Every structure is written in C-alpha cells, then in structure tokens.
C-alpha cells in the first residue's frame, strides 16, 4: 500500500482496473488511508474487457502518455497483447496473484510481457523491466 500512496503524490496517474466491484476497491483503499479519485477505479460495473478500458484510458490521457499495466492473469495480458493499437502499453504479470508457477515461467515466451515481483513493484520503476 505504501507504493500506492507514493504514486498518488507523484506525477504518475494511477488507475485500478479490476474485475471486482469498484465500491469494494474504494472501501479497501479508504481503510488504508488511500483516497483515489472515484474515476480512477474502474470495476466490473463498467462491463467491458480490460483491453477496452486500456484503449479508452490511452485515448483520454495526454499525448505521449505511457501506460504500465500490472495484471495477475496471464490470459488477460495475452488478450491485451493481441490488440494492435495497444502495442505501446507495457505489460507486467504480477507474480503474487491469480497465476501458476507454469504461467510465471512462460512469461519469457510472451515478450514483451515482464514478470513483476512484489519486491520490484515496491521499488522505483527503473527496476521493473529487468
């Protein structure tokens, strides 16, 4: 949660895109003292695939903006990777989520997806693409 708090006071625009209800995410964040703007939490109530949400965010952000998408399901990252207009989105598989060791091991077969540990997540962005 410290990384989230750190990002909120930086120039980074943080969005949470989840298959859970946005209200649950807001509640969890508020319990940790994090008040992310409601528009920055995109839950299952939006009823669209994550790659479509990324497409919308990319169109709404300033020109030249870079999206780094952290996801715990390899299947979701592979679906984003198939979208020709989302090639500039950096993709990271969180090794602490809903995935198996086999999926984590297979990341090398799916460049440019990067495996991201929780330790890396908490560090500066320069350590994310090792």
N, C-alpha and C. Protein backbone atom coordinates (compact mmCIF):
# COMPACT_ATOMS: atom_id res chain seq x y z
N UNK A 1 0.82 -1.19 0.00
CA UNK A 1 0.00 0.00 0.00
C UNK A 1 0.87 1.26 0.00
N UNK A 2 2.09 1.12 0.50
CA UNK A 2 2.99 2.28 0.52
C UNK A 2 3.30 2.75 -0.90
N UNK A 3 3.46 1.82 -1.84
CA UNK A 3 3.74 2.19 -3.22
C UNK A 3 2.56 2.98 -3.80
N UNK A 4 1.36 2.56 -3.51
CA UNK A 4 0.17 3.26 -3.99
C UNK A 4 0.15 4.68 -3.43
N UNK A 5 0.42 4.83 -2.15
CA UNK A 5 0.45 6.16 -1.54
C UNK A 5 1.53 7.03 -2.17
N UNK A 6 2.68 6.43 -2.43
CA UNK A 6 3.79 7.14 -3.06
C UNK A 6 3.39 7.64 -4.46
N UNK A 7 2.72 6.79 -5.22
CA UNK A 7 2.32 7.16 -6.58
C UNK A 7 1.29 8.28 -6.58
N UNK A 8 0.46 8.31 -5.57
CA UNK A 8 -0.59 9.32 -5.51
C UNK A 8 -0.05 10.74 -5.34
N UNK A 9 1.15 10.88 -4.82
CA UNK A 9 1.74 12.21 -4.64
C UNK A 9 2.84 12.46 -5.68
N UNK A 10 2.87 11.65 -6.73
CA UNK A 10 3.84 11.82 -7.80
C UNK A 10 3.12 12.31 -9.06
N UNK A 11 3.87 12.44 -10.13
CA UNK A 11 3.27 12.86 -11.40
C UNK A 11 2.57 11.71 -12.12
N UNK A 12 2.66 10.50 -11.58
CA UNK A 12 2.04 9.31 -12.17
C UNK A 12 0.53 9.37 -11.95
N UNK A 13 -0.23 9.04 -12.98
CA UNK A 13 -1.69 8.92 -12.84
C UNK A 13 -1.99 7.44 -12.61
N UNK A 14 -2.52 7.14 -11.45
CA UNK A 14 -2.80 5.76 -11.06
C UNK A 14 -4.26 5.43 -11.30
N UNK A 15 -4.48 4.30 -11.97
CA UNK A 15 -5.83 3.77 -12.18
C UNK A 15 -5.83 2.33 -11.71
N UNK A 16 -6.93 1.90 -11.15
CA UNK A 16 -7.11 0.50 -10.80
C UNK A 16 -8.23 -0.03 -11.67
N UNK A 17 -7.89 -1.03 -12.48
CA UNK A 17 -8.85 -1.68 -13.36
C UNK A 17 -9.00 -3.10 -12.84
N UNK A 18 -10.21 -3.44 -12.41
CA UNK A 18 -10.41 -4.70 -11.73
C UNK A 18 -11.71 -5.39 -12.15
N UNK A 19 -11.72 -6.69 -11.98
CA UNK A 19 -12.95 -7.46 -12.23
C UNK A 19 -13.82 -7.50 -10.98
N UNK A 20 -13.40 -6.84 -9.93
CA UNK A 20 -14.19 -6.73 -8.71
C UNK A 20 -15.05 -5.46 -8.78
N UNK A 21 -16.02 -5.36 -7.91
CA UNK A 21 -16.85 -4.15 -7.82
C UNK A 21 -15.97 -2.97 -7.37
N UNK A 22 -16.10 -1.85 -8.06
CA UNK A 22 -15.32 -0.67 -7.70
C UNK A 22 -15.52 -0.23 -6.26
N UNK A 23 -16.73 -0.39 -5.75
CA UNK A 23 -17.01 0.04 -4.36
C UNK A 23 -16.20 -0.76 -3.35
N UNK A 24 -15.92 -2.03 -3.65
CA UNK A 24 -15.10 -2.83 -2.74
C UNK A 24 -13.66 -2.33 -2.73
N UNK A 25 -13.16 -1.99 -3.90
CA UNK A 25 -11.80 -1.47 -4.01
C UNK A 25 -11.69 -0.15 -3.27
N UNK A 26 -12.66 0.73 -3.48
CA UNK A 26 -12.66 2.02 -2.77
C UNK A 26 -12.64 1.82 -1.26
N UNK A 27 -13.45 0.88 -0.79
CA UNK A 27 -13.52 0.60 0.65
C UNK A 27 -12.18 0.09 1.18
N UNK A 28 -11.56 -0.83 0.45
CA UNK A 28 -10.26 -1.35 0.88
C UNK A 28 -9.20 -0.25 0.91
N UNK A 29 -9.19 0.58 -0.10
CA UNK A 29 -8.21 1.67 -0.15
C UNK A 29 -8.46 2.67 0.98
N UNK A 30 -9.70 3.04 1.21
CA UNK A 30 -10.01 4.01 2.26
C UNK A 30 -9.61 3.49 3.63
N UNK A 31 -9.75 2.20 3.86
CA UNK A 31 -9.33 1.61 5.14
C UNK A 31 -7.83 1.75 5.35
N UNK A 32 -7.09 1.89 4.24
CA UNK A 32 -5.64 2.06 4.31
C UNK A 32 -5.23 3.54 4.20
N UNK A 33 -6.22 4.41 4.22
CA UNK A 33 -5.93 5.84 4.15
C UNK A 33 -5.62 6.34 2.75
N UNK A 34 -6.06 5.61 1.74
CA UNK A 34 -5.81 5.99 0.34
C UNK A 34 -7.14 6.44 -0.27
N UNK A 35 -7.18 7.67 -0.75
CA UNK A 35 -8.40 8.21 -1.35
C UNK A 35 -8.16 8.48 -2.83
N UNK A 36 -8.16 7.41 -3.61
CA UNK A 36 -8.01 7.51 -5.05
C UNK A 36 -9.32 8.06 -5.63
N UNK A 37 -9.25 9.00 -6.56
CA UNK A 37 -10.48 9.53 -7.15
C UNK A 37 -11.36 8.41 -7.70
N UNK A 38 -12.64 8.56 -7.54
CA UNK A 38 -13.59 7.53 -7.97
C UNK A 38 -13.43 7.17 -9.44
N UNK A 39 -13.14 8.16 -10.27
CA UNK A 39 -12.97 7.92 -11.70
C UNK A 39 -11.75 7.08 -12.02
N UNK A 40 -10.84 6.95 -11.06
CA UNK A 40 -9.60 6.18 -11.28
C UNK A 40 -9.73 4.73 -10.83
N UNK A 41 -10.90 4.34 -10.38
CA UNK A 41 -11.17 2.95 -10.01
C UNK A 41 -12.23 2.43 -10.98
N UNK A 42 -11.81 1.53 -11.83
CA UNK A 42 -12.69 1.02 -12.89
C UNK A 42 -12.96 -0.45 -12.60
N UNK A 43 -14.15 -0.70 -12.06
CA UNK A 43 -14.52 -2.05 -11.65
C UNK A 43 -15.37 -2.77 -12.67
N UNK A 44 -15.85 -3.93 -12.26
CA UNK A 44 -16.61 -4.77 -13.19
C UNK A 44 -17.92 -4.13 -13.63
N UNK A 45 -18.37 -3.12 -12.90
CA UNK A 45 -19.60 -2.44 -13.28
C UNK A 45 -19.49 -1.74 -14.63
N UNK A 46 -18.27 -1.51 -15.13
CA UNK A 46 -18.11 -0.88 -16.45
C UNK A 46 -18.44 -1.86 -17.58
N UNK A 47 -18.45 -3.15 -17.27
CA UNK A 47 -18.90 -4.20 -18.21
C UNK A 47 -18.20 -4.16 -19.56
N UNK A 48 -16.87 -4.13 -19.50
CA UNK A 48 -16.08 -4.22 -20.73
C UNK A 48 -14.76 -4.90 -20.42
N UNK A 49 -14.15 -5.52 -21.42
CA UNK A 49 -12.86 -6.17 -21.18
C UNK A 49 -11.78 -5.15 -20.82
N UNK A 50 -10.78 -5.61 -20.11
CA UNK A 50 -9.72 -4.70 -19.66
C UNK A 50 -8.99 -4.06 -20.83
N UNK A 51 -8.82 -4.78 -21.93
CA UNK A 51 -8.13 -4.16 -23.07
C UNK A 51 -8.93 -2.98 -23.61
N UNK A 52 -10.25 -3.04 -23.53
CA UNK A 52 -11.07 -1.91 -23.98
C UNK A 52 -10.91 -0.73 -23.02
N UNK A 53 -10.84 -1.00 -21.74
CA UNK A 53 -10.60 0.06 -20.76
C UNK A 53 -9.25 0.71 -21.00
N UNK A 54 -8.23 -0.10 -21.28
CA UNK A 54 -6.90 0.46 -21.58
C UNK A 54 -6.95 1.34 -22.82
N UNK A 55 -7.69 0.91 -23.81
CA UNK A 55 -7.85 1.68 -25.05
C UNK A 55 -8.48 3.06 -24.73
N UNK A 56 -9.49 3.06 -23.89
CA UNK A 56 -10.16 4.31 -23.51
C UNK A 56 -9.20 5.21 -22.73
N UNK A 57 -8.48 4.64 -21.78
CA UNK A 57 -7.53 5.42 -20.99
C UNK A 57 -6.45 6.02 -21.88
N UNK A 58 -5.94 5.23 -22.80
CA UNK A 58 -4.90 5.71 -23.71
C UNK A 58 -5.40 6.90 -24.53
N UNK A 59 -6.64 6.84 -24.96
CA UNK A 59 -7.22 7.93 -25.74
C UNK A 59 -7.46 9.19 -24.89
N UNK A 60 -7.74 9.00 -23.60
CA UNK A 60 -8.05 10.13 -22.72
C UNK A 60 -6.81 10.79 -22.13
N UNK A 61 -5.71 10.06 -22.04
CA UNK A 61 -4.51 10.60 -21.42
C UNK A 61 -3.78 11.53 -22.39
N UNK A 62 -2.89 12.33 -21.84
CA UNK A 62 -2.12 13.26 -22.66
C UNK A 62 -1.33 12.50 -23.73
N UNK A 63 -1.14 13.15 -24.86
CA UNK A 63 -0.35 12.55 -25.93
C UNK A 63 1.04 12.22 -25.41
N UNK A 64 1.52 11.05 -25.74
CA UNK A 64 2.83 10.61 -25.27
C UNK A 64 2.79 9.90 -23.93
N UNK A 65 1.61 9.83 -23.32
CA UNK A 65 1.48 9.14 -22.03
C UNK A 65 1.81 7.66 -22.22
N UNK A 66 2.38 7.08 -21.20
CA UNK A 66 2.75 5.66 -21.22
C UNK A 66 1.90 4.95 -20.18
N UNK A 67 1.34 3.82 -20.57
CA UNK A 67 0.57 3.01 -19.62
C UNK A 67 1.38 1.78 -19.28
N UNK A 68 1.56 1.56 -17.98
CA UNK A 68 2.15 0.32 -17.47
C UNK A 68 1.02 -0.43 -16.80
N UNK A 69 0.67 -1.58 -17.35
CA UNK A 69 -0.48 -2.36 -16.90
C UNK A 69 0.01 -3.58 -16.12
N UNK A 70 -0.31 -3.60 -14.84
CA UNK A 70 0.05 -4.72 -13.95
C UNK A 70 -1.20 -5.57 -13.77
N UNK A 71 -1.06 -6.85 -14.05
CA UNK A 71 -2.19 -7.78 -14.05
C UNK A 71 -1.72 -9.11 -13.46
N UNK A 72 -2.63 -9.81 -12.81
CA UNK A 72 -2.24 -11.11 -12.23
C UNK A 72 -2.75 -12.30 -13.03
N UNK A 73 -3.37 -12.03 -14.17
CA UNK A 73 -3.83 -13.14 -15.03
C UNK A 73 -3.13 -13.04 -16.38
N UNK A 74 -2.36 -14.07 -16.70
CA UNK A 74 -1.63 -14.09 -17.97
C UNK A 74 -2.60 -14.02 -19.14
N UNK A 75 -3.73 -14.70 -19.04
CA UNK A 75 -4.72 -14.70 -20.11
C UNK A 75 -5.14 -13.27 -20.46
N UNK A 76 -5.33 -12.44 -19.47
CA UNK A 76 -5.72 -11.04 -19.71
C UNK A 76 -4.61 -10.29 -20.42
N UNK A 77 -3.37 -10.49 -19.99
CA UNK A 77 -2.24 -9.82 -20.64
C UNK A 77 -2.10 -10.26 -22.09
N UNK A 78 -2.31 -11.54 -22.35
CA UNK A 78 -2.23 -12.04 -23.72
C UNK A 78 -3.32 -11.43 -24.59
N UNK A 79 -4.50 -11.20 -24.01
CA UNK A 79 -5.58 -10.56 -24.79
C UNK A 79 -5.24 -9.11 -25.10
N UNK A 80 -4.58 -8.42 -24.18
CA UNK A 80 -4.13 -7.04 -24.43
C UNK A 80 -3.05 -7.05 -25.51
N UNK A 81 -2.16 -8.01 -25.42
CA UNK A 81 -1.05 -8.11 -26.37
C UNK A 81 -1.54 -8.31 -27.81
N UNK A 82 -2.70 -8.90 -27.98
CA UNK A 82 -3.27 -9.15 -29.31
C UNK A 82 -3.89 -7.91 -29.94
N UNK A 83 -4.03 -6.84 -29.18
CA UNK A 83 -4.66 -5.62 -29.68
C UNK A 83 -3.61 -4.74 -30.37
N UNK A 84 -3.66 -4.62 -31.69
CA UNK A 84 -2.61 -3.87 -32.40
C UNK A 84 -2.47 -2.42 -31.95
N UNK A 85 -3.55 -1.80 -31.51
CA UNK A 85 -3.48 -0.40 -31.11
C UNK A 85 -3.00 -0.21 -29.67
N UNK A 86 -2.69 -1.31 -28.98
CA UNK A 86 -2.21 -1.21 -27.59
C UNK A 86 -0.76 -1.69 -27.46
N UNK A 87 -0.03 -1.70 -28.56
CA UNK A 87 1.36 -2.20 -28.55
C UNK A 87 2.26 -1.39 -27.63
N UNK A 88 1.94 -0.10 -27.43
CA UNK A 88 2.80 0.73 -26.58
C UNK A 88 2.53 0.54 -25.08
N UNK A 89 1.50 -0.20 -24.73
CA UNK A 89 1.21 -0.47 -23.32
C UNK A 89 2.22 -1.49 -22.79
N UNK A 90 2.90 -1.13 -21.72
CA UNK A 90 3.85 -2.05 -21.08
C UNK A 90 3.06 -3.04 -20.23
N UNK A 91 3.36 -4.32 -20.37
CA UNK A 91 2.60 -5.37 -19.70
C UNK A 91 3.43 -6.08 -18.65
N UNK A 92 2.85 -6.24 -17.46
CA UNK A 92 3.54 -6.87 -16.33
C UNK A 92 2.63 -7.92 -15.70
N UNK A 93 3.16 -9.12 -15.54
CA UNK A 93 2.44 -10.17 -14.81
C UNK A 93 2.89 -10.14 -13.36
N UNK A 94 1.96 -9.83 -12.47
CA UNK A 94 2.25 -9.80 -11.03
C UNK A 94 2.41 -11.23 -10.53
N UNK A 95 3.56 -11.55 -9.99
CA UNK A 95 3.82 -12.95 -9.58
C UNK A 95 3.15 -13.31 -8.26
N UNK A 96 2.39 -12.39 -7.68
CA UNK A 96 1.75 -12.66 -6.39
C UNK A 96 0.24 -12.88 -6.53
N UNK A 97 -0.27 -12.98 -7.73
CA UNK A 97 -1.72 -13.04 -7.90
C UNK A 97 -2.24 -14.37 -8.37
N UNK A 98 -3.32 -14.30 -9.13
CA UNK A 98 -4.02 -15.49 -9.62
C UNK A 98 -3.32 -16.07 -10.83
N UNK A 99 -2.15 -16.65 -10.61
CA UNK A 99 -1.45 -17.33 -11.69
C UNK A 99 -0.62 -18.46 -11.09
N UNK A 100 -0.18 -19.33 -11.96
CA UNK A 100 0.57 -20.50 -11.51
C UNK A 100 2.05 -20.32 -11.81
N UNK A 101 2.85 -21.16 -11.21
CA UNK A 101 4.29 -21.12 -11.50
C UNK A 101 4.54 -21.37 -12.97
N UNK A 102 3.76 -22.27 -13.57
CA UNK A 102 3.91 -22.56 -15.00
C UNK A 102 3.66 -21.30 -15.83
N UNK A 103 2.63 -20.53 -15.48
CA UNK A 103 2.35 -19.28 -16.19
C UNK A 103 3.47 -18.27 -15.99
N UNK A 104 3.95 -18.17 -14.76
CA UNK A 104 5.06 -17.23 -14.49
C UNK A 104 6.29 -17.63 -15.29
N UNK A 105 6.57 -18.93 -15.35
CA UNK A 105 7.72 -19.41 -16.12
C UNK A 105 7.56 -19.15 -17.61
N UNK A 106 6.33 -19.12 -18.09
CA UNK A 106 6.09 -18.96 -19.53
C UNK A 106 6.17 -17.51 -20.00
N UNK A 107 6.31 -16.57 -19.10
CA UNK A 107 6.37 -15.16 -19.49
C UNK A 107 7.49 -14.92 -20.51
N UNK A 108 8.59 -15.63 -20.37
CA UNK A 108 9.70 -15.47 -21.32
C UNK A 108 9.28 -15.82 -22.75
N UNK A 109 8.26 -16.62 -22.90
CA UNK A 109 7.76 -16.99 -24.23
C UNK A 109 6.81 -15.95 -24.82
N UNK A 110 6.48 -14.92 -24.04
CA UNK A 110 5.50 -13.92 -24.47
C UNK A 110 6.03 -12.50 -24.34
N UNK A 111 7.19 -12.23 -24.94
CA UNK A 111 7.65 -10.84 -24.87
C UNK A 111 6.64 -9.95 -25.58
N UNK A 112 6.45 -8.77 -25.14
CA UNK A 112 7.19 -8.02 -24.14
C UNK A 112 6.57 -8.04 -22.74
N UNK A 113 5.86 -9.10 -22.38
CA UNK A 113 5.32 -9.19 -21.03
C UNK A 113 6.48 -9.41 -20.06
N UNK A 114 6.47 -8.66 -18.97
CA UNK A 114 7.50 -8.75 -17.95
C UNK A 114 6.92 -9.38 -16.69
N UNK A 115 7.68 -10.24 -16.04
CA UNK A 115 7.28 -10.78 -14.75
C UNK A 115 7.65 -9.76 -13.68
N UNK A 116 6.73 -9.48 -12.78
CA UNK A 116 6.95 -8.46 -11.76
C UNK A 116 6.71 -9.05 -10.38
N UNK A 117 7.74 -8.99 -9.54
CA UNK A 117 7.60 -9.47 -8.17
C UNK A 117 7.06 -8.34 -7.30
N UNK A 118 6.55 -8.70 -6.13
CA UNK A 118 6.06 -7.67 -5.22
C UNK A 118 7.21 -6.77 -4.75
N UNK A 119 8.41 -7.32 -4.65
CA UNK A 119 9.58 -6.53 -4.27
C UNK A 119 9.87 -5.48 -5.34
N UNK A 120 9.84 -5.91 -6.62
CA UNK A 120 10.06 -4.96 -7.71
C UNK A 120 8.97 -3.89 -7.72
N UNK A 121 7.73 -4.31 -7.50
CA UNK A 121 6.60 -3.38 -7.51
C UNK A 121 6.83 -2.24 -6.52
N UNK A 122 7.40 -2.54 -5.39
CA UNK A 122 7.61 -1.54 -4.35
C UNK A 122 8.80 -0.64 -4.62
N UNK A 123 9.61 -1.00 -5.61
CA UNK A 123 10.79 -0.22 -5.93
C UNK A 123 10.49 0.84 -6.99
N UNK A 124 11.51 1.59 -7.33
CA UNK A 124 11.42 2.57 -8.40
C UNK A 124 11.09 1.85 -9.72
N UNK A 125 10.41 2.54 -10.62
CA UNK A 125 10.04 1.96 -11.91
C UNK A 125 11.24 1.45 -12.69
N UNK A 126 12.40 2.03 -12.47
CA UNK A 126 13.59 1.62 -13.22
C UNK A 126 13.94 0.14 -12.97
N UNK A 127 13.44 -0.43 -11.88
CA UNK A 127 13.72 -1.83 -11.56
C UNK A 127 12.64 -2.79 -12.03
N UNK A 128 11.65 -2.30 -12.74
CA UNK A 128 10.54 -3.14 -13.14
C UNK A 128 10.83 -3.99 -14.37
N UNK A 129 11.66 -3.52 -15.29
CA UNK A 129 11.85 -4.21 -16.56
C UNK A 129 13.19 -4.91 -16.62
N UNK A 130 13.44 -5.75 -15.63
CA UNK A 130 14.71 -6.47 -15.57
C UNK A 130 14.59 -7.77 -16.31
